[in-house]
PDB file of N, CA and C in Angstrom:
ATOM      1  N   MET A   1       0.751  -1.259  -0.154  1.00  0.00           N
ATOM      2  CA  MET A   1       0.111   0.057  -0.053  1.00  0.00           C
ATOM      3  C   MET A   1       0.872   1.282  -0.132  1.00  0.00           C
ATOM      4  N   ILE A   2       0.463   2.180  -0.772  1.00  0.00           N
ATOM      5  CA  ILE A   2       1.197   3.538  -0.792  1.00  0.00           C
ATOM      6  C   ILE A   2       1.005   4.396   0.298  1.00  0.00           C
ATOM      7  N   ASP A   3       2.081   5.015   0.845  1.00  0.00           N
ATOM      8  CA  ASP A   3       1.883   5.965   1.958  1.00  0.00           C
ATOM      9  C   ASP A   3       1.580   7.370   1.177  1.00  0.00           C
ATOM     10  N   PHE A   4       0.291   7.583   1.167  1.00  0.00           N
ATOM     11  CA  PHE A   4      -0.088   8.851   0.497  1.00  0.00           C
ATOM     12  C   PHE A   4       0.179  10.111   1.178  1.00  0.00           C
ATOM     13  N   SER A   5       0.450  10.131   2.583  1.00  0.00           N
ATOM     14  CA  SER A   5       0.725  11.410   3.244  1.00  0.00           C
ATOM     15  C   SER A   5       2.241  11.781   2.862  1.00  0.00           C
ATOM     16  N   LYS A   6       3.135  10.607   2.834  1.00  0.00           N
ATOM     17  CA  LYS A   6       4.435  10.884   2.434  1.00  0.00           C
ATOM     18  C   LYS A   6       4.434  11.494   1.045  1.00  0.00           C
ATOM     19  N   LEU A   7       3.635  10.782  -0.022  1.00  0.00           N
ATOM     20  CA  LEU A   7       3.812  11.112  -1.236  1.00  0.00           C
ATOM     21  C   LEU A   7       3.285  12.493  -1.631  1.00  0.00           C
ATOM     22  N   ILE A   8       2.199  13.079  -0.875  1.00  0.00           N
ATOM     23  CA  ILE A   8       1.766  14.221  -1.016  1.00  0.00           C
ATOM     24  C   ILE A   8       2.817  15.355  -0.436  1.00  0.00           C
ATOM     25  N   ARG A   9       3.473  14.865   0.547  1.00  0.00           N
ATOM     26  CA  ARG A   9       4.538  15.923   1.124  1.00  0.00           C
ATOM     27  C   ARG A   9       5.640  15.953   0.248  1.00  0.00           C
ATOM     28  N   GLU A  10       6.102  14.857  -0.446  1.00  0.00           N
ATOM     29  CA  GLU A  10       7.076  14.951  -1.533  1.00  0.00           C
ATOM     30  C   GLU A  10       6.859  15.802  -2.485  1.00  0.00           C
ATOM     31  N   LEU A  11       5.473  15.772  -3.095  1.00  0.00           N
ATOM     32  CA  LEU A  11       4.878  16.396  -4.299  1.00  0.00           C
ATOM     33  C   LEU A  11       4.773  17.929  -3.724  1.00  0.00           C
ATOM     34  N   ARG A  12       4.485  18.292  -2.546  1.00  0.00           N
ATOM     35  CA  ARG A  12       4.297  19.591  -2.329  1.00  0.00           C
ATOM     36  C   ARG A  12       5.778  20.409  -2.307  1.00  0.00           C
ATOM     37  N   GLU A  13       6.697  19.424  -1.849  1.00  0.00           N
ATOM     38  CA  GLU A  13       8.246  19.993  -1.721  1.00  0.00           C
ATOM     39  C   GLU A  13       8.607  20.354  -3.313  1.00  0.00           C
ATOM     40  N   MET A  14       8.168  19.240  -3.975  1.00  0.00           N
ATOM     41  CA  MET A  14       8.630  19.406  -5.671  1.00  0.00           C
ATOM     42  C   MET A  14       7.911  20.692  -6.219  1.00  0.00           C
ATOM     43  N   ALA A  15       6.579  20.887  -5.721  1.00  0.00           N
ATOM     44  CA  ALA A  15       5.679  21.877  -6.223  1.00  0.00           C
ATOM     45  C   ALA A  15       6.496  23.221  -5.929  1.00  0.00           C
ATOM     46  N   GLU A  16       7.028  23.429  -4.820  1.00  0.00           N
ATOM     47  CA  GLU A  16       7.511  24.705  -4.348  1.00  0.00           C
ATOM     48  C   GLU A  16       8.670  25.060  -5.396  1.00  0.00           C
ATOM     49  N   LYS A  17       9.293  24.065  -5.863  1.00  0.00           N
ATOM     50  CA  LYS A  17      10.508  24.327  -6.846  1.00  0.00           C
ATOM     51  C   LYS A  17      10.081  24.441  -8.314  1.00  0.00           C
ATOM     52  N   LEU A  18       8.863  24.079  -8.528  1.00  0.00           N
ATOM     53  CA  LEU A  18       8.393  24.155  -9.891  1.00  0.00           C
ATOM     54  C   LEU A  18       7.460  25.229 -10.284  1.00  0.00           C
ATOM     55  N   PRO A  19       7.613  25.742 -11.423  1.00  0.00           N
ATOM     56  CA  PRO A  19       6.597  26.974 -11.900  1.00  0.00           C
ATOM     57  C   PRO A  19       5.041  26.373 -11.690  1.00  0.00           C
ATOM     58  N   ASN A  20       4.129  27.198 -11.681  1.00  0.00           N
ATOM     59  CA  ASN A  20       2.850  26.804 -11.396  1.00  0.00           C
ATOM     60  C   ASN A  20       2.295  25.739 -12.427  1.00  0.00           C
ATOM     61  N   TRP A  21       2.544  26.043 -13.739  1.00  0.00           N
ATOM     62  CA  TRP A  21       2.052  25.364 -14.981  1.00  0.00           C
ATOM     63  C   TRP A  21       2.651  23.949 -14.916  1.00  0.00           C
ATOM     64  N   LYS A  22       3.745  23.729 -14.549  1.00  0.00           N
ATOM     65  CA  LYS A  22       4.407  22.459 -14.484  1.00  0.00           C
ATOM     66  C   LYS A  22       3.778  21.709 -13.149  1.00  0.00           C
ATOM     67  N   PHE A  23       3.420  22.283 -12.206  1.00  0.00           N
ATOM     68  CA  PHE A  23       2.800  21.722 -11.002  1.00  0.00           C
ATOM     69  C   PHE A  23       1.398  21.146 -11.454  1.00  0.00           C
ATOM     70  N   LEU A  24       0.695  22.153 -11.996  1.00  0.00           N
ATOM     71  CA  LEU A  24      -0.798  21.552 -12.464  1.00  0.00           C
ATOM     72  C   LEU A  24      -0.664  20.408 -13.565  1.00  0.00           C
ATOM     73  N   LEU A  25       0.258  20.628 -14.390  1.00  0.00           N
ATOM     74  CA  LEU A  25       0.450  19.588 -15.480  1.00  0.00           C
ATOM     75  C   LEU A  25       0.826  18.267 -14.683  1.00  0.00           C
ATOM     76  N   ILE A  26       1.763  18.179 -13.779  1.00  0.00           N
ATOM     77  CA  ILE A  26       1.886  16.969 -13.214  1.00  0.00           C
ATOM     78  C   ILE A  26       0.750  16.363 -12.228  1.00  0.00           C
ATOM     79  N   TRP A  27       0.029  17.166 -11.547  1.00  0.00           N
ATOM     80  CA  TRP A  27      -1.077  17.035 -10.910  1.00  0.00           C
ATOM     81  C   TRP A  27      -2.222  16.381 -11.654  1.00  0.00           C
ATOM     82  N   SER A  28      -2.463  17.070 -12.835  1.00  0.00           N
ATOM     83  CA  SER A  28      -3.511  16.657 -13.675  1.00  0.00           C
ATOM     84  C   SER A  28      -3.190  15.115 -14.480  1.00  0.00           C
ATOM     85  N   VAL A  29      -1.981  15.011 -14.702  1.00  0.00           N
ATOM     86  CA  VAL A  29      -1.367  13.580 -15.232  1.00  0.00           C
ATOM     87  C   VAL A  29      -1.643  12.598 -14.136  1.00  0.00           C
ATOM     88  N   LEU A  30      -1.264  12.864 -12.838  1.00  0.00           N
ATOM     89  CA  LEU A  30      -1.352  11.934 -11.805  1.00  0.00           C
ATOM     90  C   LEU A  30      -2.806  11.661 -11.419  1.00  0.00           C
ATOM     91  N   PHE A  31      -3.735  12.746 -11.457  1.00  0.00           N
ATOM     92  CA  PHE A  31      -5.119  12.568 -11.268  1.00  0.00           C
ATOM     93  C   PHE A  31      -5.633  11.572 -12.372  1.00  0.00           C
ATOM     94  N   ILE A  32      -5.372  11.723 -13.675  1.00  0.00           N
ATOM     95  CA  ILE A  32      -5.855  11.129 -14.723  1.00  0.00           C
ATOM     96  C   ILE A  32      -5.379   9.599 -14.631  1.00  0.00           C
ATOM     97  N   LEU A  33      -4.208   9.227 -14.147  1.00  0.00           N
ATOM     98  CA  LEU A  33      -3.598   8.186 -13.963  1.00  0.00           C
ATOM     99  C   LEU A  33      -4.319   7.346 -12.838  1.00  0.00           C
ATOM    100  N   SER A  34      -4.631   8.009 -11.756  1.00  0.00           N
ATOM    101  CA  SER A  34      -5.144   7.370 -10.651  1.00  0.00           C
ATOM    102  C   SER A  34      -6.609   7.118 -10.983  1.00  0.00           C
ATOM    103  N   VAL A  35      -7.366   7.941 -11.676  1.00  0.00           N
ATOM    104  CA  VAL A  35      -8.802   7.625 -11.925  1.00  0.00           C
ATOM    105  C   VAL A  35      -8.916   6.529 -12.941  1.00  0.00           C
ATOM    106  N   GLY A  36      -7.863   6.327 -13.790  1.00  0.00           N
ATOM    107  CA  GLY A  36      -7.870   5.261 -14.790  1.00  0.00           C
ATOM    108  C   GLY A  36      -7.690   4.028 -13.969  1.00  0.00           C
ATOM    109  N   TYR A  37      -6.625   3.984 -13.353  1.00  0.00           N
ATOM    110  CA  TYR A  37      -6.312   2.864 -12.405  1.00  0.00           C
ATOM    111  C   TYR A  37      -7.726   2.358 -11.546  1.00  0.00           C
ATOM    112  N   PHE A  38      -8.249   3.265 -10.914  1.00  0.00           N
ATOM    113  CA  PHE A  38      -9.461   2.899  -9.976  1.00  0.00           C
ATOM    114  C   PHE A  38     -10.470   2.512 -10.959  1.00  0.00           C
ATOM    115  N   ILE A  39     -10.928   2.969 -12.015  1.00  0.00           N
ATOM    116  CA  ILE A  39     -11.827   2.333 -13.030  1.00  0.00           C
ATOM    117  C   ILE A  39     -11.371   0.999 -13.369  1.00  0.00           C
ATOM    118  N   GLY A  40     -10.138   0.745 -13.642  1.00  0.00           N
ATOM    119  CA  GLY A  40      -9.752  -0.434 -14.102  1.00  0.00           C
ATOM    120  C   GLY A  40      -9.814  -1.398 -13.005  1.00  0.00           C
ATOM    121  N   GLN A  41      -9.583  -1.154 -11.707  1.00  0.00           N
ATOM    122  CA  GLN A  41      -9.971  -2.004 -10.541  1.00  0.00           C
ATOM    123  C   GLN A  41     -11.352  -2.289 -10.363  1.00  0.00           C
ATOM    124  N   VAL A  42     -12.078  -1.213 -10.592  1.00  0.00           N
ATOM    125  CA  VAL A  42     -13.677  -1.379 -10.348  1.00  0.00           C
ATOM    126  C   VAL A  42     -14.239  -2.546 -11.305  1.00  0.00           C
ATOM    127  N   ARG A  43     -13.758  -2.310 -12.511  1.00  0.00           N
ATOM    128  CA  ARG A  43     -14.326  -3.105 -13.661  1.00  0.00           C
ATOM    129  C   ARG A  43     -13.987  -4.658 -13.533  1.00  0.00           C
ATOM    130  N   TRP A  44     -12.989  -4.926 -12.601  1.00  0.00           N
ATOM    131  CA  TRP A  44     -12.751  -6.256 -12.468  1.00  0.00           C
ATOM    132  C   TRP A  44     -13.557  -6.962 -11.283  1.00  0.00           C
ATOM    133  N   TRP A  45     -14.260  -6.156 -10.598  1.00  0.00           N
ATOM    134  CA  TRP A  45     -15.034  -6.593  -9.556  1.00  0.00           C
ATOM    135  C   TRP A  45     -16.167  -7.456  -9.804  1.00  0.00           C
TER     136      TRP A  45
END
């Protein structure tokens, strides 16, 4: 299982070093991947 609090903390630290558009781009990609993953998991049930 992924430790989400640690992941979010690392992403926040990265985000402080990145410009806003890159930050939003990374988050949108992660969001799409996670949604796609969850849909794939639900489909198998």
